[in-house]
PDB file of N, CA and C in Angstrom:
ATOM      1  N   MET A   1     -78.602 -55.218-116.744  1.00  0.00           N
ATOM      2  CA  MET A   1     -78.678 -56.085-115.597  1.00  0.00           C
ATOM      3  C   MET A   1     -77.273 -56.274-115.028  1.00  0.00           C
ATOM      4  N   ALA A   2     -77.130 -56.174-113.705  1.00  0.00           N
ATOM      5  CA  ALA A   2     -75.825 -56.283-113.057  1.00  0.00           C
ATOM      6  C   ALA A   2     -75.307 -57.715-113.109  1.00  0.00           C
ATOM      7  N   GLU A   3     -74.022 -57.831-113.363  1.00  0.00           N
ATOM      8  CA  GLU A   3     -73.355 -59.124-113.400  1.00  0.00           C
ATOM      9  C   GLU A   3     -73.264 -59.697-111.985  1.00  0.00           C
ATOM     10  N   ILE A   4     -73.291 -61.018-111.869  1.00  0.00           N
ATOM     11  CA  ILE A   4     -73.065 -61.703-110.599  1.00  0.00           C
ATOM     12  C   ILE A   4     -71.686 -62.338-110.668  1.00  0.00           C
ATOM     13  N   GLN A   5     -70.838 -62.000-109.698  1.00  0.00           N
ATOM     14  CA  GLN A   5     -69.480 -62.537-109.640  1.00  0.00           C
ATOM     15  C   GLN A   5     -69.365 -63.413-108.401  1.00  0.00           C
ATOM     16  N   ARG A   6     -68.845 -64.639-108.565  1.00  0.00           N
ATOM     17  CA  ARG A   6     -68.705 -65.573-107.445  1.00  0.00           C
ATOM     18  C   ARG A   6     -67.222 -65.814-107.197  1.00  0.00           C
ATOM     19  N   LEU A   7     -66.768 -65.551-105.968  1.00  0.00           N
ATOM     20  CA  LEU A   7     -65.377 -65.731-105.594  1.00  0.00           C
ATOM     21  C   LEU A   7     -65.246 -66.952-104.693  1.00  0.00           C
ATOM     22  N   GLN A   8     -64.097 -67.588-104.755  1.00  0.00           N
ATOM     23  CA  GLN A   8     -63.791 -68.755-103.929  1.00  0.00           C
ATOM     24  C   GLN A   8     -64.889 -69.817-104.051  1.00  0.00           C
ATOM     25  N   PRO A   9     -65.252 -70.218-105.293  1.00  0.00           N
ATOM     26  CA  PRO A   9     -66.305 -71.214-105.429  1.00  0.00           C
ATOM     27  C   PRO A   9     -65.864 -72.569-104.888  1.00  0.00           C
ATOM     28  N   GLY A  10     -66.747 -73.191-104.139  1.00  0.00           N
ATOM     29  CA  GLY A  10     -66.483 -74.517-103.600  1.00  0.00           C
ATOM     30  C   GLY A  10     -67.522 -75.493-104.112  1.00  0.00           C
ATOM     31  N   GLU A  11     -67.526 -76.669-103.544  1.00  0.00           N
ATOM     32  CA  GLU A  11     -68.462 -77.703-103.969  1.00  0.00           C
ATOM     33  C   GLU A  11     -69.910 -77.323-103.665  1.00  0.00           C
ATOM     34  N   LEU A  12     -70.132 -76.689-102.506  1.00  0.00           N
ATOM     35  CA  LEU A  12     -71.495 -76.393-102.075  1.00  0.00           C
ATOM     36  C   LEU A  12     -71.864 -74.915-102.105  1.00  0.00           C
ATOM     37  N   PHE A  13     -70.870 -74.025-102.050  1.00  0.00           N
ATOM     38  CA  PHE A  13     -71.170 -72.597-101.992  1.00  0.00           C
ATOM     39  C   PHE A  13     -69.942 -71.790-102.388  1.00  0.00           C
ATOM     40  N   SER A  14     -70.159 -70.516-102.641  1.00  0.00           N
ATOM     41  CA  SER A  14     -69.069 -69.582-102.928  1.00  0.00           C
ATOM     42  C   SER A  14     -68.682 -68.858-101.647  1.00  0.00           C
ATOM     43  N   GLY A  15     -67.419 -68.503-101.525  1.00  0.00           N
ATOM     44  CA  GLY A  15     -66.962 -67.761-100.358  1.00  0.00           C
ATOM     45  C   GLY A  15     -67.517 -66.351-100.319  1.00  0.00           C
ATOM     46  N   ALA A  16     -67.772 -65.788-101.497  1.00  0.00           N
ATOM     47  CA  ALA A  16     -68.346 -64.454-101.603  1.00  0.00           C
ATOM     48  C   ALA A  16     -69.075 -64.335-102.930  1.00  0.00           C
ATOM     49  N   VAL A  17     -70.108 -63.505-102.942  1.00  0.00           N
ATOM     50  CA  VAL A  17     -70.850 -63.212-104.163  1.00  0.00           C
ATOM     51  C   VAL A  17     -70.992 -61.699-104.260  1.00  0.00           C
ATOM     52  N   ILE A  18     -70.680 -61.172-105.447  1.00  0.00           N
ATOM     53  CA  ILE A  18     -70.801 -59.738-105.701  1.00  0.00           C
ATOM     54  C   ILE A  18     -71.900 -59.541-106.736  1.00  0.00           C
ATOM     55  N   HIS A  19     -72.834 -58.671-106.417  1.00  0.00           N
ATOM     56  CA  HIS A  19     -73.890 -58.299-107.366  1.00  0.00           C
ATOM     57  C   HIS A  19     -74.037 -56.790-107.288  1.00  0.00           C
ATOM     58  N   GLY A  20     -73.736 -56.113-108.375  1.00  0.00           N
ATOM     59  CA  GLY A  20     -73.761 -54.657-108.350  1.00  0.00           C
ATOM     60  C   GLY A  20     -72.745 -54.141-107.348  1.00  0.00           C
ATOM     61  N   ASP A  21     -73.203 -53.316-106.437  1.00  0.00           N
ATOM     62  CA  ASP A  21     -72.320 -52.743-105.420  1.00  0.00           C
ATOM     63  C   ASP A  21     -72.491 -53.400-104.061  1.00  0.00           C
ATOM     64  N   THR A  22     -73.026 -54.631-104.045  1.00  0.00           N
ATOM     65  CA  THR A  22     -73.225 -55.344-102.785  1.00  0.00           C
ATOM     66  C   THR A  22     -72.408 -56.625-102.783  1.00  0.00           C
ATOM     67  N   VAL A  23     -71.774 -56.917-101.651  1.00  0.00           N
ATOM     68  CA  VAL A  23     -70.932 -58.097-101.475  1.00  0.00           C
ATOM     69  C   VAL A  23     -71.498 -58.922-100.323  1.00  0.00           C
ATOM     70  N   TRP A  24     -71.780 -60.194-100.600  1.00  0.00           N
ATOM     71  CA  TRP A  24     -72.241 -61.121 -99.567  1.00  0.00           C
ATOM     72  C   TRP A  24     -71.123 -62.106 -99.295  1.00  0.00           C
ATOM     73  N   LEU A  25     -70.733 -62.258 -98.034  1.00  0.00           N
ATOM     74  CA  LEU A  25     -69.736 -63.251 -97.642  1.00  0.00           C
ATOM     75  C   LEU A  25     -70.440 -64.426 -96.981  1.00  0.00           C
ATOM     76  N   SER A  26     -70.025 -65.627 -97.349  1.00  0.00           N
ATOM     77  CA  SER A  26     -70.530 -66.817 -96.678  1.00  0.00           C
ATOM     78  C   SER A  26     -70.034 -66.822 -95.240  1.00  0.00           C
ATOM     79  N   GLY A  27     -70.668 -67.643 -94.431  1.00  0.00           N
ATOM     80  CA  GLY A  27     -70.214 -67.782 -93.047  1.00  0.00           C
ATOM     81  C   GLY A  27     -68.760 -68.223 -92.999  1.00  0.00           C
ATOM     82  N   LYS A  28     -67.987 -67.562 -92.173  1.00  0.00           N
ATOM     83  CA  LYS A  28     -66.569 -67.885 -92.003  1.00  0.00           C
ATOM     84  C   LYS A  28     -66.390 -68.538 -90.636  1.00  0.00           C
ATOM     85  N   VAL A  29     -65.568 -69.591 -90.600  1.00  0.00           N
ATOM     86  CA  VAL A  29     -65.197 -70.248 -89.352  1.00  0.00           C
ATOM     87  C   VAL A  29     -63.678 -70.242 -89.241  1.00  0.00           C
ATOM     88  N   ALA A  30     -63.177 -70.545 -88.070  1.00  0.00           N
ATOM     89  CA  ALA A  30     -61.738 -70.504 -87.830  1.00  0.00           C
ATOM     90  C   ALA A  30     -60.987 -71.495 -88.706  1.00  0.00           C
ATOM     91  N   SER A  31     -59.844 -71.064 -89.222  1.00  0.00           N
ATOM     92  CA  SER A  31     -58.963 -71.947 -89.984  1.00  0.00           C
ATOM     93  C   SER A  31     -58.415 -73.054 -89.091  1.00  0.00           C
ATOM     94  N   ASP A  32     -58.166 -72.701 -87.824  1.00  0.00           N
ATOM     95  CA  ASP A  32     -57.680 -73.651 -86.828  1.00  0.00           C
ATOM     96  C   ASP A  32     -58.686 -73.676 -85.675  1.00  0.00           C
ATOM     97  N   PRO A  33     -59.566 -74.669 -85.641  1.00  0.00           N
ATOM     98  CA  PRO A  33     -60.607 -74.698 -84.615  1.00  0.00           C
ATOM     99  C   PRO A  33     -60.141 -75.161 -83.237  1.00  0.00           C
ATOM    100  N   THR A  34     -58.816 -75.284 -83.046  1.00  0.00           N
ATOM    101  CA  THR A  34     -58.335 -75.701 -81.724  1.00  0.00           C
ATOM    102  C   THR A  34     -58.222 -74.534 -80.750  1.00  0.00           C
ATOM    103  N   GLY A  35     -58.317 -73.309 -81.256  1.00  0.00           N
ATOM    104  CA  GLY A  35     -58.199 -72.132 -80.388  1.00  0.00           C
ATOM    105  C   GLY A  35     -59.469 -71.856 -79.612  1.00  0.00           C
ATOM    106  N   ASP A  36     -59.346 -70.954 -78.644  1.00  0.00           N
ATOM    107  CA  ASP A  36     -60.514 -70.548 -77.869  1.00  0.00           C
ATOM    108  C   ASP A  36     -61.344 -69.555 -78.685  1.00  0.00           C
ATOM    109  N   VAL A  37     -62.443 -69.082 -78.118  1.00  0.00           N
ATOM    110  CA  VAL A  37     -63.342 -68.204 -78.875  1.00  0.00           C
ATOM    111  C   VAL A  37     -62.650 -66.907 -79.281  1.00  0.00           C
ATOM    112  N   ARG A  38     -61.748 -66.411 -78.460  1.00  0.00           N
ATOM    113  CA  ARG A  38     -61.007 -65.185 -78.798  1.00  0.00           C
ATOM    114  C   ARG A  38     -60.145 -65.423 -80.044  1.00  0.00           C
ATOM    115  N   GLU A  39     -59.389 -66.528 -80.049  1.00  0.00           N
ATOM    116  CA  GLU A  39     -58.512 -66.838 -81.180  1.00  0.00           C
ATOM    117  C   GLU A  39     -59.323 -67.136 -82.444  1.00  0.00           C
ATOM    118  N   GLN A  40     -60.414 -67.879 -82.295  1.00  0.00           N
ATOM    119  CA  GLN A  40     -61.241 -68.184 -83.453  1.00  0.00           C
ATOM    120  C   GLN A  40     -61.856 -66.915 -84.034  1.00  0.00           C
ATOM    121  N   THR A  41     -62.321 -66.021 -83.170  1.00  0.00           N
ATOM    122  CA  THR A  41     -62.917 -64.770 -83.657  1.00  0.00           C
ATOM    123  C   THR A  41     -61.886 -63.932 -84.397  1.00  0.00           C
ATOM    124  N   ARG A  42     -60.688 -63.804 -83.853  1.00  0.00           N
ATOM    125  CA  ARG A  42     -59.620 -63.044 -84.534  1.00  0.00           C
ATOM    126  C   ARG A  42     -59.334 -63.622 -85.913  1.00  0.00           C
ATOM    127  N   ASP A  43     -59.215 -64.948 -85.980  1.00  0.00           N
ATOM    128  CA  ASP A  43     -58.937 -65.620 -87.242  1.00  0.00           C
ATOM    129  C   ASP A  43     -60.044 -65.324 -88.262  1.00  0.00           C
ATOM    130  N   ILE A  44     -61.282 -65.445 -87.831  1.00  0.00           N
ATOM    131  CA  ILE A  44     -62.411 -65.204 -88.732  1.00  0.00           C
ATOM    132  C   ILE A  44     -62.410 -63.761 -89.229  1.00  0.00           C
ATOM    133  N   LEU A  45     -62.186 -62.813 -88.343  1.00  0.00           N
ATOM    134  CA  LEU A  45     -62.193 -61.402 -88.747  1.00  0.00           C
ATOM    135  C   LEU A  45     -61.056 -61.094 -89.711  1.00  0.00           C
ATOM    136  N   GLU A  46     -59.908 -61.746 -89.547  1.00  0.00           N
ATOM    137  CA  GLU A  46     -58.814 -61.600 -90.515  1.00  0.00           C
ATOM    138  C   GLU A  46     -59.229 -62.157 -91.879  1.00  0.00           C
ATOM    139  N   GLN A  47     -59.912 -63.302 -91.882  1.00  0.00           N
ATOM    140  CA  GLN A  47     -60.412 -63.876 -93.137  1.00  0.00           C
ATOM    141  C   GLN A  47     -61.399 -62.916 -93.801  1.00  0.00           C
ATOM    142  N   ILE A  48     -62.273 -62.314 -92.999  1.00  0.00           N
ATOM    143  CA  ILE A  48     -63.248 -61.370 -93.540  1.00  0.00           C
ATOM    144  C   ILE A  48     -62.535 -60.177 -94.166  1.00  0.00           C
ATOM    145  N   ASP A  49     -61.538 -59.623 -93.473  1.00  0.00           N
ATOM    146  CA  ASP A  49     -60.765 -58.506 -94.036  1.00  0.00           C
ATOM    147  C   ASP A  49     -60.171 -58.892 -95.395  1.00  0.00           C
ATOM    148  N   THR A  50     -59.558 -60.068 -95.472  1.00  0.00           N
ATOM    149  CA  THR A  50     -58.921 -60.532 -96.709  1.00  0.00           C
ATOM    150  C   THR A  50     -59.941 -60.688 -97.825  1.00  0.00           C
ATOM    151  N   THR A  51     -61.086 -61.285 -97.514  1.00  0.00           N
ATOM    152  CA  THR A  51     -62.117 -61.502 -98.527  1.00  0.00           C
ATOM    153  C   THR A  51     -62.730 -60.181 -98.971  1.00  0.00           C
ATOM    154  N   LEU A  52     -63.007 -59.292 -98.020  1.00  0.00           N
ATOM    155  CA  LEU A  52     -63.557 -57.984 -98.389  1.00  0.00           C
ATOM    156  C   LEU A  52     -62.599 -57.235 -99.312  1.00  0.00           C
ATOM    157  N   GLU A  53     -61.317 -57.281 -98.999  1.00  0.00           N
ATOM    158  CA  GLU A  53     -60.322 -56.613 -99.843  1.00  0.00           C
ATOM    159  C   GLU A  53     -60.324 -57.208-101.249  1.00  0.00           C
ATOM    160  N   ALA A  54     -60.404 -58.529-101.349  1.00  0.00           N
ATOM    161  CA  ALA A  54     -60.444 -59.188-102.657  1.00  0.00           C
ATOM    162  C   ALA A  54     -61.689 -58.787-103.447  1.00  0.00           C
ATOM    163  N   CYS A  55     -62.728 -58.384-102.734  1.00  0.00           N
ATOM    164  CA  CYS A  55     -63.979 -57.963-103.371  1.00  0.00           C
ATOM    165  C   CYS A  55     -64.030 -56.463-103.629  1.00  0.00           C
ATOM    166  N   GLY A  56     -62.968 -55.752-103.273  1.00  0.00           N
ATOM    167  CA  GLY A  56     -62.915 -54.320-103.530  1.00  0.00           C
ATOM    168  C   GLY A  56     -63.612 -53.471-102.489  1.00  0.00           C
ATOM    169  N   THR A  57     -63.662 -53.958-101.248  1.00  0.00           N
ATOM    170  CA  THR A  57     -64.297 -53.196-100.180  1.00  0.00           C
ATOM    171  C   THR A  57     -63.555 -53.423 -98.864  1.00  0.00           C
ATOM    172  N   SER A  58     -64.136 -52.989 -97.759  1.00  0.00           N
ATOM    173  CA  SER A  58     -63.476 -53.123 -96.463  1.00  0.00           C
ATOM    174  C   SER A  58     -64.511 -53.141 -95.342  1.00  0.00           C
ATOM    175  N   ARG A  59     -64.032 -53.373 -94.136  1.00  0.00           N
ATOM    176  CA  ARG A  59     -64.940 -53.434 -92.984  1.00  0.00           C
ATOM    177  C   ARG A  59     -65.659 -52.106 -92.739  1.00  0.00           C
ATOM    178  N   SER A  60     -65.118 -50.996 -93.199  1.00  0.00           N
ATOM    179  CA  SER A  60     -65.803 -49.712 -93.021  1.00  0.00           C
ATOM    180  C   SER A  60     -67.048 -49.608 -93.904  1.00  0.00           C
ATOM    181  N   ARG A  61     -67.226 -50.556 -94.832  1.00  0.00           N
ATOM    182  CA  ARG A  61     -68.375 -50.564 -95.743  1.00  0.00           C
ATOM    183  C   ARG A  61     -69.379 -51.674 -95.385  1.00  0.00           C
ATOM    184  N   LEU A  62     -69.196 -52.306 -94.217  1.00  0.00           N
ATOM    185  CA  LEU A  62     -70.118 -53.364 -93.806  1.00  0.00           C
ATOM    186  C   LEU A  62     -71.523 -52.816 -93.605  1.00  0.00           C
ATOM    187  N   LEU A  63     -72.500 -53.566 -94.063  1.00  0.00           N
ATOM    188  CA  LEU A  63     -73.904 -53.221 -93.888  1.00  0.00           C
ATOM    189  C   LEU A  63     -74.539 -54.050 -92.780  1.00  0.00           C
ATOM    190  N   SER A  64     -74.175 -55.338 -92.740  1.00  0.00           N
ATOM    191  CA  SER A  64     -74.802 -56.275 -91.818  1.00  0.00           C
ATOM    192  C   SER A  64     -73.811 -57.356 -91.419  1.00  0.00           C
ATOM    193  N   VAL A  65     -73.867 -57.771 -90.152  1.00  0.00           N
ATOM    194  CA  VAL A  65     -73.037 -58.862 -89.642  1.00  0.00           C
ATOM    195  C   VAL A  65     -73.938 -59.805 -88.856  1.00  0.00           C
ATOM    196  N   GLN A  66     -73.775 -61.094 -89.116  1.00  0.00           N
ATOM    197  CA  GLN A  66     -74.495 -62.118 -88.358  1.00  0.00           C
ATOM    198  C   GLN A  66     -73.478 -63.029 -87.711  1.00  0.00           C
ATOM    199  N   ILE A  67     -73.662 -63.273 -86.416  1.00  0.00           N
ATOM    200  CA  ILE A  67     -72.710 -64.074 -85.646  1.00  0.00           C
ATOM    201  C   ILE A  67     -73.446 -65.216 -84.972  1.00  0.00           C
ATOM    202  N   TRP A  68     -72.872 -66.405 -85.096  1.00  0.00           N
ATOM    203  CA  TRP A  68     -73.397 -67.574 -84.405  1.00  0.00           C
ATOM    204  C   TRP A  68     -72.348 -68.042 -83.412  1.00  0.00           C
ATOM    205  N   LEU A  69     -72.756 -68.242 -82.177  1.00  0.00           N
ATOM    206  CA  LEU A  69     -71.882 -68.754 -81.123  1.00  0.00           C
ATOM    207  C   LEU A  69     -72.365 -70.126 -80.687  1.00  0.00           C
ATOM    208  N   ALA A  70     -71.433 -71.059 -80.513  1.00  0.00           N
ATOM    209  CA  ALA A  70     -71.805 -72.382 -80.012  1.00  0.00           C
ATOM    210  C   ALA A  70     -72.327 -72.283 -78.584  1.00  0.00           C
ATOM    211  N   ASP A  71     -71.814 -71.302 -77.830  1.00  0.00           N
ATOM    212  CA  ASP A  71     -72.240 -71.084 -76.442  1.00  0.00           C
ATOM    213  C   ASP A  71     -72.380 -69.583 -76.221  1.00  0.00           C
ATOM    214  N   ILE A  72     -73.592 -69.135 -75.961  1.00  0.00           N
ATOM    215  CA  ILE A  72     -73.850 -67.695 -75.789  1.00  0.00           C
ATOM    216  C   ILE A  72     -73.070 -67.119 -74.602  1.00  0.00           C
ATOM    217  N   ALA A  73     -72.582 -67.977 -73.720  1.00  0.00           N
ATOM    218  CA  ALA A  73     -71.742 -67.510 -72.605  1.00  0.00           C
ATOM    219  C   ALA A  73     -70.440 -66.898 -73.118  1.00  0.00           C
ATOM    220  N   ASP A  74     -70.069 -67.186 -74.365  1.00  0.00           N
ATOM    221  CA  ASP A  74     -68.859 -66.614 -74.972  1.00  0.00           C
ATOM    222  C   ASP A  74     -69.106 -65.250 -75.603  1.00  0.00           C
ATOM    223  N   TRP A  75     -70.309 -64.709 -75.466  1.00  0.00           N
ATOM    224  CA  TRP A  75     -70.672 -63.448 -76.109  1.00  0.00           C
ATOM    225  C   TRP A  75     -69.712 -62.321 -75.715  1.00  0.00           C
ATOM    226  N   ALA A  76     -69.448 -62.141 -74.441  1.00  0.00           N
ATOM    227  CA  ALA A  76     -68.606 -61.020 -73.997  1.00  0.00           C
ATOM    228  C   ALA A  76     -67.180 -61.130 -74.555  1.00  0.00           C
ATOM    229  N   THR A  77     -66.617 -62.333 -74.543  1.00  0.00           N
ATOM    230  CA  THR A  77     -65.254 -62.528 -75.055  1.00  0.00           C
ATOM    231  C   THR A  77     -65.197 -62.271 -76.557  1.00  0.00           C
ATOM    232  N   MET A  78     -66.149 -62.854 -77.299  1.00  0.00           N
ATOM    233  CA  MET A  78     -66.203 -62.616 -78.744  1.00  0.00           C
ATOM    234  C   MET A  78     -66.374 -61.126 -79.011  1.00  0.00           C
ATOM    235  N   ASN A  79     -67.236 -60.490 -78.238  1.00  0.00           N
ATOM    236  CA  ASN A  79     -67.544 -59.080 -78.470  1.00  0.00           C
ATOM    237  C   ASN A  79     -66.341 -58.173 -78.202  1.00  0.00           C
ATOM    238  N   GLU A  80     -65.462 -58.540 -77.286  1.00  0.00           N
ATOM    239  CA  GLU A  80     -64.234 -57.764 -77.054  1.00  0.00           C
ATOM    240  C   GLU A  80     -63.401 -57.713 -78.332  1.00  0.00           C
ATOM    241  N   VAL A  81     -63.237 -58.863 -78.979  1.00  0.00           N
ATOM    242  CA  VAL A  81     -62.444 -58.937 -80.207  1.00  0.00           C
ATOM    243  C   VAL A  81     -63.155 -58.178 -81.329  1.00  0.00           C
ATOM    244  N   TYR A  82     -64.451 -58.395 -81.462  1.00  0.00           N
ATOM    245  CA  TYR A  82     -65.246 -57.738 -82.501  1.00  0.00           C
ATOM    246  C   TYR A  82     -65.208 -56.218 -82.333  1.00  0.00           C
ATOM    247  N   THR A  83     -65.370 -55.737 -81.104  1.00  0.00           N
ATOM    248  CA  THR A  83     -65.388 -54.293 -80.835  1.00  0.00           C
ATOM    249  C   THR A  83     -64.053 -53.642 -81.205  1.00  0.00           C
ATOM    250  N   ALA A  84     -62.949 -54.339 -80.955  1.00  0.00           N
ATOM    251  CA  ALA A  84     -61.632 -53.803 -81.317  1.00  0.00           C
ATOM    252  C   ALA A  84     -61.437 -53.790 -82.835  1.00  0.00           C
ATOM    253  N   TRP A  85     -62.138 -54.653 -83.542  1.00  0.00           N
ATOM    254  CA  TRP A  85     -61.983 -54.792 -84.996  1.00  0.00           C
ATOM    255  C   TRP A  85     -62.890 -53.854 -85.782  1.00  0.00           C
ATOM    256  N   ILE A  86     -64.097 -53.660 -85.361  1.00  0.00           N
ATOM    257  CA  ILE A  86     -65.097 -52.930 -86.136  1.00  0.00           C
ATOM    258  C   ILE A  86     -64.723 -51.452 -86.256  1.00  0.00           C
ATOM    259  N   ASP A  87     -65.031 -50.860 -87.388  1.00  0.00           N
ATOM    260  CA  ASP A  87     -64.804 -49.430 -87.597  1.00  0.00           C
ATOM    261  C   ASP A  87     -65.825 -48.669 -86.757  1.00  0.00           C
ATOM    262  N   PRO A  88     -65.389 -47.951 -85.711  1.00  0.00           N
ATOM    263  CA  PRO A  88     -66.350 -47.317 -84.794  1.00  0.00           C
ATOM    264  C   PRO A  88     -67.235 -46.255 -85.448  1.00  0.00           C
ATOM    265  N   GLY A  89     -66.789 -45.679 -86.549  1.00  0.00           N
ATOM    266  CA  GLY A  89     -67.592 -44.670 -87.224  1.00  0.00           C
ATOM    267  C   GLY A  89     -68.562 -45.243 -88.250  1.00  0.00           C
ATOM    268  N   ASN A  90     -68.476 -46.541 -88.477  1.00  0.00           N
ATOM    269  CA  ASN A  90     -69.303 -47.183 -89.514  1.00  0.00           C
ATOM    270  C   ASN A  90     -69.809 -48.540 -89.035  1.00  0.00           C
ATOM    271  N   LYS A  91     -70.510 -48.548 -87.923  1.00  0.00           N
ATOM    272  CA  LYS A  91     -71.000 -49.805 -87.358  1.00  0.00           C
ATOM    273  C   LYS A  91     -72.162 -50.344 -88.189  1.00  0.00           C
ATOM    274  N   PRO A  92     -72.071 -51.631 -88.584  1.00  0.00           N
ATOM    275  CA  PRO A  92     -73.170 -52.238 -89.335  1.00  0.00           C
ATOM    276  C   PRO A  92     -74.291 -52.667 -88.393  1.00  0.00           C
ATOM    277  N   CYS A  93     -75.427 -53.053 -88.956  1.00  0.00           N
ATOM    278  CA  CYS A  93     -76.431 -53.708 -88.122  1.00  0.00           C
ATOM    279  C   CYS A  93     -75.888 -55.107 -87.826  1.00  0.00           C
ATOM    280  N   ARG A  94     -76.368 -55.721 -86.724  1.00  0.00           N
ATOM    281  CA  ARG A  94     -75.773 -56.986 -86.307  1.00  0.00           C
ATOM    282  C   ARG A  94     -76.766 -57.825 -85.537  1.00  0.00           C
ATOM    283  N   ALA A  95     -76.631 -59.132 -85.670  1.00  0.00           N
ATOM    284  CA  ALA A  95     -77.382 -60.089 -84.864  1.00  0.00           C
ATOM    285  C   ALA A  95     -76.407 -61.143 -84.367  1.00  0.00           C
ATOM    286  N   THR A  96     -76.603 -61.595 -83.137  1.00  0.00           N
ATOM    287  CA  THR A  96     -75.788 -62.663 -82.563  1.00  0.00           C
ATOM    288  C   THR A  96     -76.720 -63.669 -81.909  1.00  0.00           C
ATOM    289  N   VAL A  97     -76.547 -64.939 -82.252  1.00  0.00           N
ATOM    290  CA  VAL A  97     -77.385 -65.993 -81.685  1.00  0.00           C
ATOM    291  C   VAL A  97     -76.533 -67.191 -81.288  1.00  0.00           C
ATOM    292  N   GLU A  98     -77.082 -68.008 -80.407  1.00  0.00           N
ATOM    293  CA  GLU A  98     -76.465 -69.281 -80.052  1.00  0.00           C
ATOM    294  C   GLU A  98     -77.000 -70.341 -81.010  1.00  0.00           C
ATOM    295  N   ALA A  99     -76.096 -71.181 -81.511  1.00  0.00           N
ATOM    296  CA  ALA A  99     -76.506 -72.215 -82.455  1.00  0.00           C
ATOM    297  C   ALA A  99     -75.519 -73.375 -82.432  1.00  0.00           C
ATOM    298  N   ALA A 100     -76.007 -74.557 -82.768  1.00  0.00           N
ATOM    299  CA  ALA A 100     -75.123 -75.704 -82.968  1.00  0.00           C
ATOM    300  C   ALA A 100     -74.394 -75.487 -84.291  1.00  0.00           C
ATOM    301  N   LEU A 101     -73.074 -75.474 -84.260  1.00  0.00           N
ATOM    302  CA  LEU A 101     -72.289 -75.252 -85.473  1.00  0.00           C
ATOM    303  C   LEU A 101     -71.919 -76.590 -86.112  1.00  0.00           C
ATOM    304  N   ALA A 102     -71.308 -76.561 -87.272  1.00  0.00           N
ATOM    305  CA  ALA A 102     -71.064 -77.757 -88.080  1.00  0.00           C
ATOM    306  C   ALA A 102     -70.146 -78.775 -87.411  1.00  0.00           C
ATOM    307  N   SER A 103     -69.311 -78.345 -86.477  1.00  0.00           N
ATOM    308  CA  SER A 103     -68.380 -79.235 -85.777  1.00  0.00           C
ATOM    309  C   SER A 103     -68.295 -78.780 -84.320  1.00  0.00           C
ATOM    310  N   PRO A 104     -68.142 -79.706 -83.388  1.00  0.00           N
ATOM    311  CA  PRO A 104     -68.053 -79.306 -81.978  1.00  0.00           C
ATOM    312  C   PRO A 104     -66.832 -78.438 -81.649  1.00  0.00           C
ATOM    313  N   ASP A 105     -65.799 -78.467 -82.510  1.00  0.00           N
ATOM    314  CA  ASP A 105     -64.610 -77.633 -82.300  1.00  0.00           C
ATOM    315  C   ASP A 105     -64.846 -76.175 -82.676  1.00  0.00           C
ATOM    316  N   LEU A 106     -65.844 -75.930 -83.499  1.00  0.00           N
ATOM    317  CA  LEU A 106     -66.138 -74.563 -83.934  1.00  0.00           C
ATOM    318  C   LEU A 106     -66.927 -73.846 -82.859  1.00  0.00           C
ATOM    319  N   LEU A 107     -66.438 -72.690 -82.449  1.00  0.00           N
ATOM    320  CA  LEU A 107     -67.068 -71.919 -81.376  1.00  0.00           C
ATOM    321  C   LEU A 107     -67.807 -70.699 -81.890  1.00  0.00           C
ATOM    322  N   VAL A 108     -67.454 -70.245 -83.094  1.00  0.00           N
ATOM    323  CA  VAL A 108     -68.063 -69.035 -83.650  1.00  0.00           C
ATOM    324  C   VAL A 108     -68.057 -69.110 -85.175  1.00  0.00           C
ATOM    325  N   GLU A 109     -69.091 -68.551 -85.786  1.00  0.00           N
ATOM    326  CA  GLU A 109     -69.172 -68.400 -87.234  1.00  0.00           C
ATOM    327  C   GLU A 109     -69.719 -67.007 -87.504  1.00  0.00           C
ATOM    328  N   ILE A 110     -69.153 -66.337 -88.509  1.00  0.00           N
ATOM    329  CA  ILE A 110     -69.562 -64.961 -88.821  1.00  0.00           C
ATOM    330  C   ILE A 110     -69.750 -64.825 -90.325  1.00  0.00           C
ATOM    331  N   MET A 111     -70.860 -64.208 -90.714  1.00  0.00           N
ATOM    332  CA  MET A 111     -71.074 -63.849 -92.114  1.00  0.00           C
ATOM    333  C   MET A 111     -71.452 -62.375 -92.181  1.00  0.00           C
ATOM    334  N   CYS A 112     -71.270 -61.776 -93.335  1.00  0.00           N
ATOM    335  CA  CYS A 112     -71.575 -60.354 -93.437  1.00  0.00           C
ATOM    336  C   CYS A 112     -71.933 -59.956 -94.866  1.00  0.00           C
ATOM    337  N   VAL A 113     -72.481 -58.757 -94.958  1.00  0.00           N
ATOM    338  CA  VAL A 113     -72.832 -58.130 -96.224  1.00  0.00           C
ATOM    339  C   VAL A 113     -72.178 -56.751 -96.215  1.00  0.00           C
ATOM    340  N   ALA A 114     -71.578 -56.369 -97.334  1.00  0.00           N
ATOM    341  CA  ALA A 114     -70.910 -55.071 -97.424  1.00  0.00           C
ATOM    342  C   ALA A 114     -71.259 -54.376 -98.731  1.00  0.00           C
ATOM    343  N   ALA A 115     -71.132 -53.079 -98.721  1.00  0.00           N
ATOM    344  CA  ALA A 115     -71.222 -52.277 -99.940  1.00  0.00           C
ATOM    345  C   ALA A 115     -69.827 -52.161-100.526  1.00  0.00           C
ATOM    346  N   ARG A 116     -69.758 -51.946-101.863  1.00  0.00           N
ATOM    347  CA  ARG A 116     -68.445 -51.735-102.479  1.00  0.00           C
ATOM    348  C   ARG A 116     -68.233 -50.252-102.671  1.00  0.00           C
TER     349      ARG A 116
END
């Protein structure tokens, strides 16, 4: 049976969980929520890169990405940053929805699943 490894454990959830060759990342939000959607998206994607690396994988191994936007009108701006970041030869499946986030300052949240 494959071991379950939990990284960055917090009070309510782990930042990442590894089971076998699959890595699940919890939803990431901006470290500094005072920025606009472009800045928040960049910050989140940098956090994802760091966490994926700590888990022994990278964005080229992404399987699935889920994105929540506080305002769907920010889709094009967020997508510009995301498109520049994603590995064009290894695009994961993706969903993007509008949702009320945990704080009014948060404009975007992203979670993903990757292979190792």
